[in-house]
Amino acid sequence: WSGEILDYADAVKGRFTISRDNAKNIVHLQMNRLKPEDTA
């Protein structure tokens, strides 16, 4: 909830970033350097 504790799977670490805006009740996933194996 605070945005201070984050966890990432090894497969996406360093490429994906999760964030949230509690005032708007929105969570984002920024995905960079995408690979074909990210298809899902």
All heavy atoms as atom14 arrays in JSON, in Angstrom:
{
  "sequence": "WSGEILDYADAVKGRFTISRDNAKNIVHLQMNRLKPEDTA",
  "atom14_mask": [
    [1, 1, 1, 1, 1, 1, 1, 1, 1, 1, 1, 1, 1, 1],
    [1, 1, 1, 1, 1, 1, 0, 0, 0, 0, 0, 0, 0, 0],
    [1, 1, 1, 1, 0, 0, 0, 0, 0, 0, 0, 0, 0, 0],
    [1, 1, 1, 1, 1, 1, 1, 1, 1, 0, 0, 0, 0, 0],
    [1, 1, 1, 1, 1, 1, 1, 1, 0, 0, 0, 0, 0, 0],
    [1, 1, 1, 1, 1, 1, 1, 1, 0, 0, 0, 0, 0, 0],
    [1, 1, 1, 1, 1, 1, 1, 1, 0, 0, 0, 0, 0, 0],
    [1, 1, 1, 1, 1, 1, 1, 1, 1, 1, 1, 1, 0, 0],
    [1, 1, 1, 1, 1, 0, 0, 0, 0, 0, 0, 0, 0, 0],
    [1, 1, 1, 1, 1, 1, 1, 1, 0, 0, 0, 0, 0, 0],
    [1, 1, 1, 1, 1, 0, 0, 0, 0, 0, 0, 0, 0, 0],
    [1, 1, 1, 1, 1, 1, 1, 0, 0, 0, 0, 0, 0, 0],
    [1, 1, 1, 1, 1, 1, 1, 1, 1, 0, 0, 0, 0, 0],
    [1, 1, 1, 1, 0, 0, 0, 0, 0, 0, 0, 0, 0, 0],
    [1, 1, 1, 1, 1, 1, 1, 1, 1, 1, 1, 0, 0, 0],
    [1, 1, 1, 1, 1, 1, 1, 1, 1, 1, 1, 0, 0, 0],
    [1, 1, 1, 1, 1, 1, 1, 0, 0, 0, 0, 0, 0, 0],
    [1, 1, 1, 1, 1, 1, 1, 1, 0, 0, 0, 0, 0, 0],
    [1, 1, 1, 1, 1, 1, 0, 0, 0, 0, 0, 0, 0, 0],
    [1, 1, 1, 1, 1, 1, 1, 1, 1, 1, 1, 0, 0, 0],
    [1, 1, 1, 1, 1, 1, 1, 1, 0, 0, 0, 0, 0, 0],
    [1, 1, 1, 1, 1, 1, 1, 1, 0, 0, 0, 0, 0, 0],
    [1, 1, 1, 1, 1, 0, 0, 0, 0, 0, 0, 0, 0, 0],
    [1, 1, 1, 1, 1, 1, 1, 1, 1, 0, 0, 0, 0, 0],
    [1, 1, 1, 1, 1, 1, 1, 1, 0, 0, 0, 0, 0, 0],
    [1, 1, 1, 1, 1, 1, 1, 1, 0, 0, 0, 0, 0, 0],
    [1, 1, 1, 1, 1, 1, 1, 0, 0, 0, 0, 0, 0, 0],
    [1, 1, 1, 1, 1, 1, 1, 1, 1, 1, 0, 0, 0, 0],
    [1, 1, 1, 1, 1, 1, 1, 1, 0, 0, 0, 0, 0, 0],
    [1, 1, 1, 1, 1, 1, 1, 1, 1, 0, 0, 0, 0, 0],
    [1, 1, 1, 1, 1, 1, 1, 1, 0, 0, 0, 0, 0, 0],
    [1, 1, 1, 1, 1, 1, 1, 1, 0, 0, 0, 0, 0, 0],
    [1, 1, 1, 1, 1, 1, 1, 1, 1, 1, 1, 0, 0, 0],
    [1, 1, 1, 1, 1, 1, 1, 1, 0, 0, 0, 0, 0, 0],
    [1, 1, 1, 1, 1, 1, 1, 1, 1, 0, 0, 0, 0, 0],
    [1, 1, 1, 1, 1, 1, 1, 0, 0, 0, 0, 0, 0, 0],
    [1, 1, 1, 1, 1, 1, 1, 1, 1, 0, 0, 0, 0, 0],
    [1, 1, 1, 1, 1, 1, 1, 1, 0, 0, 0, 0, 0, 0],
    [1, 1, 1, 1, 1, 1, 1, 0, 0, 0, 0, 0, 0, 0],
    [1, 1, 1, 1, 1, 0, 0, 0, 0, 0, 0, 0, 0, 0]
  ],
  "atom14_positions": [
    [[0.81, -1.21, 0.0], [0.0, 0.0, 0.0], [0.85, 1.26, 0.0], [0.52, 2.24, -0.68], [-0.95, 0.0, 1.2], [-1.85, 1.2, 1.25], [-1.78, 2.25, 2.11], [-2.96, 1.47, 0.39], [-2.77, 3.16, 1.86], [-3.52, 2.7, 0.79], [-3.55, 0.79, -0.69], [-4.63, 3.27, 0.17], [-4.65, 1.36, -1.31], [-5.18, 2.58, -0.87]],
    [[1.93, 1.27, 0.75], [2.77, 2.45, 0.85], [3.64, 2.68, -0.37], [4.16, 3.78, -0.56], [3.66, 2.35, 2.09], [4.67, 1.38, 1.92], [0.0, 0.0, 0.0], [0.0, 0.0, 0.0], [0.0, 0.0, 0.0], [0.0, 0.0, 0.0], [0.0, 0.0, 0.0], [0.0, 0.0, 0.0], [0.0, 0.0, 0.0], [0.0, 0.0, 0.0]],
    [[3.82, 1.64, -1.18], [4.73, 1.74, -2.31], [6.18, 1.55, -1.95], [7.05, 1.7, -2.81], [0.0, 0.0, 0.0], [0.0, 0.0, 0.0], [0.0, 0.0, 0.0], [0.0, 0.0, 0.0], [0.0, 0.0, 0.0], [0.0, 0.0, 0.0], [0.0, 0.0, 0.0], [0.0, 0.0, 0.0], [0.0, 0.0, 0.0], [0.0, 0.0, 0.0]],
    [[6.46, 1.2, -0.7], [7.83, 1.05, -0.23], [8.36, -0.37, -0.37], [9.59, -0.55, -0.42], [7.93, 1.48, 1.24], [7.61, 2.94, 1.49], [8.61, 3.88, 0.84], [9.8, 3.49, 0.72], [8.23, 4.99, 0.45], [0.0, 0.0, 0.0], [0.0, 0.0, 0.0], [0.0, 0.0, 0.0], [0.0, 0.0, 0.0], [0.0, 0.0, 0.0]],
    [[7.48, -1.34, -0.4], [7.89, -2.73, -0.52], [7.51, -3.23, -1.9], [6.34, -3.25, -2.27], [7.24, -3.61, 0.57], [7.58, -3.05, 1.96], [7.71, -5.05, 0.43], [6.87, -3.77, 3.08], [0.0, 0.0, 0.0], [0.0, 0.0, 0.0], [0.0, 0.0, 0.0], [0.0, 0.0, 0.0], [0.0, 0.0, 0.0], [0.0, 0.0, 0.0]],
    [[8.51, -3.65, -2.66], [8.32, -4.1, -4.04], [8.89, -5.5, -4.2], [9.86, -5.87, -3.52], [9.02, -3.15, -5.02], [8.73, -1.66, -4.88], [9.64, -0.87, -5.8], [7.27, -1.38, -5.19], [0.0, 0.0, 0.0], [0.0, 0.0, 0.0], [0.0, 0.0, 0.0], [0.0, 0.0, 0.0], [0.0, 0.0, 0.0], [0.0, 0.0, 0.0]],
    [[8.31, -6.25, -5.12], [8.81, -7.58, -5.4], [8.68, -7.85, -6.89], [7.65, -7.52, -7.49], [8.03, -8.64, -4.61], [8.7, -9.99, -4.65], [8.44, -10.75, -5.61], [9.49, -10.29, -3.74], [0.0, 0.0, 0.0], [0.0, 0.0, 0.0], [0.0, 0.0, 0.0], [0.0, 0.0, 0.0], [0.0, 0.0, 0.0], [0.0, 0.0, 0.0]],
    [[9.72, -8.45, -7.48], [9.72, -8.77, -8.9], [10.2, -10.19, -9.12], [11.1, -10.68, -8.41], [10.65, -7.83, -9.67], [10.24, -6.39, -9.64], [10.81, -5.5, -8.73], [9.28, -5.9, -10.52], [10.43, -4.17, -8.7], [8.9, -4.57, -10.5], [9.48, -3.71, -9.59], [9.11, -2.39, -9.57], [0.0, 0.0, 0.0], [0.0, 0.0, 0.0]],
    [[9.61, -10.84, -10.1], [10.12, -12.13, -10.53], [11.47, -11.95, -11.2], [11.73, -10.92, -11.84], [9.14, -12.8, -11.5], [0.0, 0.0, 0.0], [0.0, 0.0, 0.0], [0.0, 0.0, 0.0], [0.0, 0.0, 0.0], [0.0, 0.0, 0.0], [0.0, 0.0, 0.0], [0.0, 0.0, 0.0], [0.0, 0.0, 0.0], [0.0, 0.0, 0.0]],
    [[12.33, -12.95, -11.06], [13.67, -12.85, -11.64], [13.63, -12.6, -13.15], [14.49, -11.89, -13.68], [14.46, -14.12, -11.36], [14.86, -14.25, -9.91], [14.84, -13.25, -9.18], [15.21, -15.38, -9.49], [0.0, 0.0, 0.0], [0.0, 0.0, 0.0], [0.0, 0.0, 0.0], [0.0, 0.0, 0.0], [0.0, 0.0, 0.0], [0.0, 0.0, 0.0]],
    [[12.64, -13.15, -13.82], [12.56, -13.03, -15.27], [12.34, -11.6, -15.74], [12.66, -11.27, -16.89], [11.46, -13.94, -15.81], [0.0, 0.0, 0.0], [0.0, 0.0, 0.0], [0.0, 0.0, 0.0], [0.0, 0.0, 0.0], [0.0, 0.0, 0.0], [0.0, 0.0, 0.0], [0.0, 0.0, 0.0], [0.0, 0.0, 0.0], [0.0, 0.0, 0.0]],
    [[11.79, -10.74, -14.88], [11.48, -9.38, -15.29], [12.27, -8.34, -14.52], [12.18, -7.14, -14.83], [9.97, -9.08, -15.15], [9.15, -10.14, -15.85], [9.57, -8.98, -13.67], [0.0, 0.0, 0.0], [0.0, 0.0, 0.0], [0.0, 0.0, 0.0], [0.0, 0.0, 0.0], [0.0, 0.0, 0.0], [0.0, 0.0, 0.0], [0.0, 0.0, 0.0]],
    [[13.05, -8.75, -13.55], [13.79, -7.81, -12.72], [14.73, -6.96, -13.57], [15.47, -7.47, -14.41], [14.58, -8.59, -11.66], [15.11, -7.73, -10.52], [15.7, -8.61, -9.42], [14.64, -9.51, -8.82], [15.19, -10.36, -7.72], [0.0, 0.0, 0.0], [0.0, 0.0, 0.0], [0.0, 0.0, 0.0], [0.0, 0.0, 0.0], [0.0, 0.0, 0.0]],
    [[14.69, -5.67, -13.33], [15.51, -4.74, -14.09], [14.85, -4.23, -15.35], [15.35, -3.26, -15.96], [0.0, 0.0, 0.0], [0.0, 0.0, 0.0], [0.0, 0.0, 0.0], [0.0, 0.0, 0.0], [0.0, 0.0, 0.0], [0.0, 0.0, 0.0], [0.0, 0.0, 0.0], [0.0, 0.0, 0.0], [0.0, 0.0, 0.0], [0.0, 0.0, 0.0]],
    [[13.76, -4.86, -15.77], [13.05, -4.44, -16.98], [11.66, -3.9, -16.69], [11.18, -3.01, -17.39], [12.94, -5.61, -17.96], [14.28, -6.15, -18.42], [14.11, -7.19, -19.53], [13.37, -8.36, -19.06], [12.19, -8.75, -19.57], [11.62, -8.06, -20.55], [11.6, -9.84, -19.09], [0.0, 0.0, 0.0], [0.0, 0.0, 0.0], [0.0, 0.0, 0.0]],
    [[10.99, -4.45, -15.68], [9.63, -4.04, -15.33], [9.66, -3.21, -14.04], [10.46, -3.47, -13.14], [8.73, -5.25, -15.09], [8.39, -6.04, -16.31], [9.03, -5.84, -17.52], [7.41, -7.02, -16.24], [8.71, -6.58, -18.65], [7.07, -7.77, -17.36], [7.72, -7.56, -18.55], [0.0, 0.0, 0.0], [0.0, 0.0, 0.0], [0.0, 0.0, 0.0]],
    [[8.75, -2.24, -13.96], [8.6, -1.43, -12.76], [7.13, -1.32, -12.4], [6.31, -0.92, -13.24], [9.18, -0.02, -12.95], [10.56, -0.12, -13.31], [9.06, 0.78, -11.66], [0.0, 0.0, 0.0], [0.0, 0.0, 0.0], [0.0, 0.0, 0.0], [0.0, 0.0, 0.0], [0.0, 0.0, 0.0], [0.0, 0.0, 0.0], [0.0, 0.0, 0.0]],
    [[6.78, -1.66, -11.17], [5.41, -1.52, -10.7], [5.3, -0.26, -9.84], [6.22, 0.07, -9.09], [4.96, -2.77, -9.92], [3.46, -2.71, -9.62], [5.78, -2.96, -8.64], [2.9, -4.02, -9.05], [0.0, 0.0, 0.0], [0.0, 0.0, 0.0], [0.0, 0.0, 0.0], [0.0, 0.0, 0.0], [0.0, 0.0, 0.0], [0.0, 0.0, 0.0]],
    [[4.18, 0.43, -9.96], [3.94, 1.62, -9.16], [2.45, 1.75, -8.92], [1.64, 1.09, -9.58], [4.48, 2.88, -9.86], [3.84, 3.09, -11.11], [0.0, 0.0, 0.0], [0.0, 0.0, 0.0], [0.0, 0.0, 0.0], [0.0, 0.0, 0.0], [0.0, 0.0, 0.0], [0.0, 0.0, 0.0], [0.0, 0.0, 0.0], [0.0, 0.0, 0.0]],
    [[2.07, 2.6, -7.97], [0.65, 2.79, -7.69], [0.36, 4.22, -7.3], [1.2, 4.92, -6.73], [0.16, 1.82, -6.6], [0.75, 2.04, -5.22], [0.42, 0.88, -4.29], [-1.03, 0.75, -4.08], [-1.6, -0.3, -3.49], [-0.86, -1.33, -3.08], [-2.92, -0.34, -3.34], [0.0, 0.0, 0.0], [0.0, 0.0, 0.0], [0.0, 0.0, 0.0]],
    [[-0.87, 4.63, -7.6], [-1.38, 5.94, -7.24], [-2.63, 5.69, -6.41], [-3.7, 5.43, -6.95], [-1.7, 6.76, -8.49], [-2.17, 8.16, -8.18], [-2.63, 8.42, -7.05], [-2.09, 9.02, -9.08], [0.0, 0.0, 0.0], [0.0, 0.0, 0.0], [0.0, 0.0, 0.0], [0.0, 0.0, 0.0], [0.0, 0.0, 0.0], [0.0, 0.0, 0.0]],
    [[-2.48, 5.76, -5.1], [-3.59, 5.4, -4.22], [-4.75, 6.39, -4.31], [-5.91, 6.01, -4.13], [-3.1, 5.3, -2.77], [-2.19, 4.13, -2.55], [-2.2, 3.16, -3.31], [-1.39, 4.18, -1.49], [0.0, 0.0, 0.0], [0.0, 0.0, 0.0], [0.0, 0.0, 0.0], [0.0, 0.0, 0.0], [0.0, 0.0, 0.0], [0.0, 0.0, 0.0]],
    [[-4.46, 7.66, -4.57], [-5.52, 8.65, -4.69], [-6.45, 8.32, -5.85], [-7.65, 8.6, -5.79], [-4.93, 10.04, -4.86], [0.0, 0.0, 0.0], [0.0, 0.0, 0.0], [0.0, 0.0, 0.0], [0.0, 0.0, 0.0], [0.0, 0.0, 0.0], [0.0, 0.0, 0.0], [0.0, 0.0, 0.0], [0.0, 0.0, 0.0], [0.0, 0.0, 0.0]],
    [[-5.91, 7.74, -6.91], [-6.7, 7.38, -8.08], [-7.06, 5.9, -8.12], [-7.74, 5.45, -9.05], [-5.96, 7.75, -9.36], [-5.71, 9.25, -9.52], [-5.0, 9.54, -10.83], [-4.78, 11.03, -11.02], [-4.08, 11.32, -12.29], [0.0, 0.0, 0.0], [0.0, 0.0, 0.0], [0.0, 0.0, 0.0], [0.0, 0.0, 0.0], [0.0, 0.0, 0.0]],
    [[-6.58, 5.14, -7.15], [-6.81, 3.69, -7.12], [-6.34, 3.02, -8.4], [-7.05, 2.21, -9.01], [-8.28, 3.37, -6.87], [-8.74, 3.75, -5.48], [-7.97, 3.68, -4.52], [-9.99, 4.16, -5.36], [0.0, 0.0, 0.0], [0.0, 0.0, 0.0], [0.0, 0.0, 0.0], [0.0, 0.0, 0.0], [0.0, 0.0, 0.0], [0.0, 0.0, 0.0]],
    [[-5.11, 3.34, -8.81], [-4.54, 2.81, -10.03], [-3.17, 2.23, -9.74], [-2.38, 2.81, -8.99], [-4.42, 3.91, -11.11], [-5.81, 4.37, -11.56], [-3.62, 3.42, -12.31], [-5.78, 5.52, -12.54], [0.0, 0.0, 0.0], [0.0, 0.0, 0.0], [0.0, 0.0, 0.0], [0.0, 0.0, 0.0], [0.0, 0.0, 0.0], [0.0, 0.0, 0.0]],
    [[-2.87, 1.09, -10.35], [-1.54, 0.51, -10.31], [-1.05, 0.36, -11.75], [-1.82, 0.05, -12.65], [-1.54, -0.84, -9.57], [-2.42, -1.86, -10.27], [-0.12, -1.36, -9.41], [0.0, 0.0, 0.0], [0.0, 0.0, 0.0], [0.0, 0.0, 0.0], [0.0, 0.0, 0.0], [0.0, 0.0, 0.0], [0.0, 0.0, 0.0], [0.0, 0.0, 0.0]],
    [[0.25, 0.62, -11.95], [0.85, 0.56, -13.28], [1.95, -0.5, -13.32], [2.58, -0.81, -12.3], [1.47, 1.9, -13.66], [0.5, 3.04, -13.68], [-0.45, 3.19, -14.66], [0.36, 4.09, -12.83], [-1.15, 4.28, -14.42], [-0.68, 4.85, -13.31], [0.0, 0.0, 0.0], [0.0, 0.0, 0.0], [0.0, 0.0, 0.0], [0.0, 0.0, 0.0]],
    [[2.17, -1.02, -14.51], [3.32, -1.88, -14.76], [4.02, -1.36, -16.0], [3.52, -1.52, -17.12], [2.91, -3.34, -14.95], [4.07, -4.32, -15.1], [4.86, -4.43, -13.79], [3.58, -5.69, -15.54], [0.0, 0.0, 0.0], [0.0, 0.0, 0.0], [0.0, 0.0, 0.0], [0.0, 0.0, 0.0], [0.0, 0.0, 0.0], [0.0, 0.0, 0.0]],
    [[5.16, -0.72, -15.8], [5.98, -0.26, -16.91], [6.88, -1.4, -17.36], [7.66, -1.92, -16.56], [6.82, 0.95, -16.5], [7.72, 1.5, -17.6], [6.93, 2.11, -18.73], [6.0, 2.87, -18.49], [7.32, 1.79, -19.96], [0.0, 0.0, 0.0], [0.0, 0.0, 0.0], [0.0, 0.0, 0.0], [0.0, 0.0, 0.0], [0.0, 0.0, 0.0]],
    [[6.79, -1.78, -18.61], [7.53, -2.91, -19.15], [8.47, -2.4, -20.23], [8.03, -1.91, -21.28], [6.58, -3.96, -19.72], [5.54, -4.44, -18.71], [4.51, -5.78, -19.36], [3.64, -4.89, -20.66], [0.0, 0.0, 0.0], [0.0, 0.0, 0.0], [0.0, 0.0, 0.0], [0.0, 0.0, 0.0], [0.0, 0.0, 0.0], [0.0, 0.0, 0.0]],
    [[9.77, -2.51, -19.98], [10.79, -2.07, -20.91], [11.62, -3.24, -21.4], [11.67, -4.3, -20.77], [11.7, -1.04, -20.24], [10.99, 0.21, -19.81], [10.05, 0.66, -20.47], [11.44, 0.8, -18.71], [0.0, 0.0, 0.0], [0.0, 0.0, 0.0], [0.0, 0.0, 0.0], [0.0, 0.0, 0.0], [0.0, 0.0, 0.0], [0.0, 0.0, 0.0]],
    [[12.29, -3.04, -22.54], [13.14, -4.07, -23.13], [12.4, -5.4, -23.22], [12.91, -6.44, -22.8], [14.45, -4.2, -22.36], [15.24, -2.89, -22.27], [16.65, -3.08, -21.75], [16.7, -3.7, -20.45], [16.5, -3.06, -19.3], [16.23, -1.77, -19.3], [16.59, -3.72, -18.16], [0.0, 0.0, 0.0], [0.0, 0.0, 0.0], [0.0, 0.0, 0.0]],
    [[11.21, -5.34, -23.77], [10.35, -6.51, -23.84], [10.95, -7.6, -24.72], [11.62, -7.32, -25.71], [8.97, -6.13, -24.35], [8.08, -5.46, -23.3], [6.94, -4.71, -23.96], [7.54, -6.49, -22.31], [0.0, 0.0, 0.0], [0.0, 0.0, 0.0], [0.0, 0.0, 0.0], [0.0, 0.0, 0.0], [0.0, 0.0, 0.0], [0.0, 0.0, 0.0]],
    [[10.68, -8.84, -24.33], [11.16, -10.02, -25.03], [9.97, -10.85, -25.5], [8.9, -10.79, -24.9], [12.03, -10.88, -24.1], [13.2, -10.14, -23.48], [13.92, -11.04, -22.48], [15.09, -10.33, -21.84], [15.78, -11.2, -20.86], [0.0, 0.0, 0.0], [0.0, 0.0, 0.0], [0.0, 0.0, 0.0], [0.0, 0.0, 0.0], [0.0, 0.0, 0.0]],
    [[10.14, -11.66, -26.55], [9.04, -12.52, -26.98], [8.5, -13.41, -25.86], [7.29, -13.68, -25.83], [9.67, -13.36, -28.1], [10.71, -12.46, -28.67], [11.28, -11.72, -27.49], [0.0, 0.0, 0.0], [0.0, 0.0, 0.0], [0.0, 0.0, 0.0], [0.0, 0.0, 0.0], [0.0, 0.0, 0.0], [0.0, 0.0, 0.0], [0.0, 0.0, 0.0]],
    [[9.33, -13.84, -24.94], [8.88, -14.68, -23.85], [8.02, -13.93, -22.83], [7.46, -14.55, -21.92], [10.05, -15.36, -23.14], [11.18, -14.41, -22.77], [12.3, -14.41, -23.79], [12.01, -14.32, -25.0], [13.48, -14.5, -23.38], [0.0, 0.0, 0.0], [0.0, 0.0, 0.0], [0.0, 0.0, 0.0], [0.0, 0.0, 0.0], [0.0, 0.0, 0.0]],
    [[7.91, -12.62, -22.95], [6.99, -11.84, -22.12], [5.56, -11.9, -22.63], [4.65, -11.41, -21.96], [7.43, -10.38, -22.04], [8.76, -10.19, -21.33], [9.0, -10.87, -20.32], [9.56, -9.35, -21.79], [0.0, 0.0, 0.0], [0.0, 0.0, 0.0], [0.0, 0.0, 0.0], [0.0, 0.0, 0.0], [0.0, 0.0, 0.0], [0.0, 0.0, 0.0]],
    [[5.35, -12.47, -23.8], [4.02, -12.58, -24.37], [3.12, -13.39, -23.45], [3.44, -14.51, -23.07], [4.08, -13.23, -25.75], [4.8, -12.38, -26.65], [2.68, -13.45, -26.31], [0.0, 0.0, 0.0], [0.0, 0.0, 0.0], [0.0, 0.0, 0.0], [0.0, 0.0, 0.0], [0.0, 0.0, 0.0], [0.0, 0.0, 0.0], [0.0, 0.0, 0.0]],
    [[1.98, -12.81, -23.07], [1.06, -13.45, -22.14], [-0.14, -12.55, -21.95], [-0.15, -11.39, -22.39], [1.73, -13.71, -20.79], [0.0, 0.0, 0.0], [0.0, 0.0, 0.0], [0.0, 0.0, 0.0], [0.0, 0.0, 0.0], [0.0, 0.0, 0.0], [0.0, 0.0, 0.0], [0.0, 0.0, 0.0], [0.0, 0.0, 0.0], [0.0, 0.0, 0.0]]
  ]
}
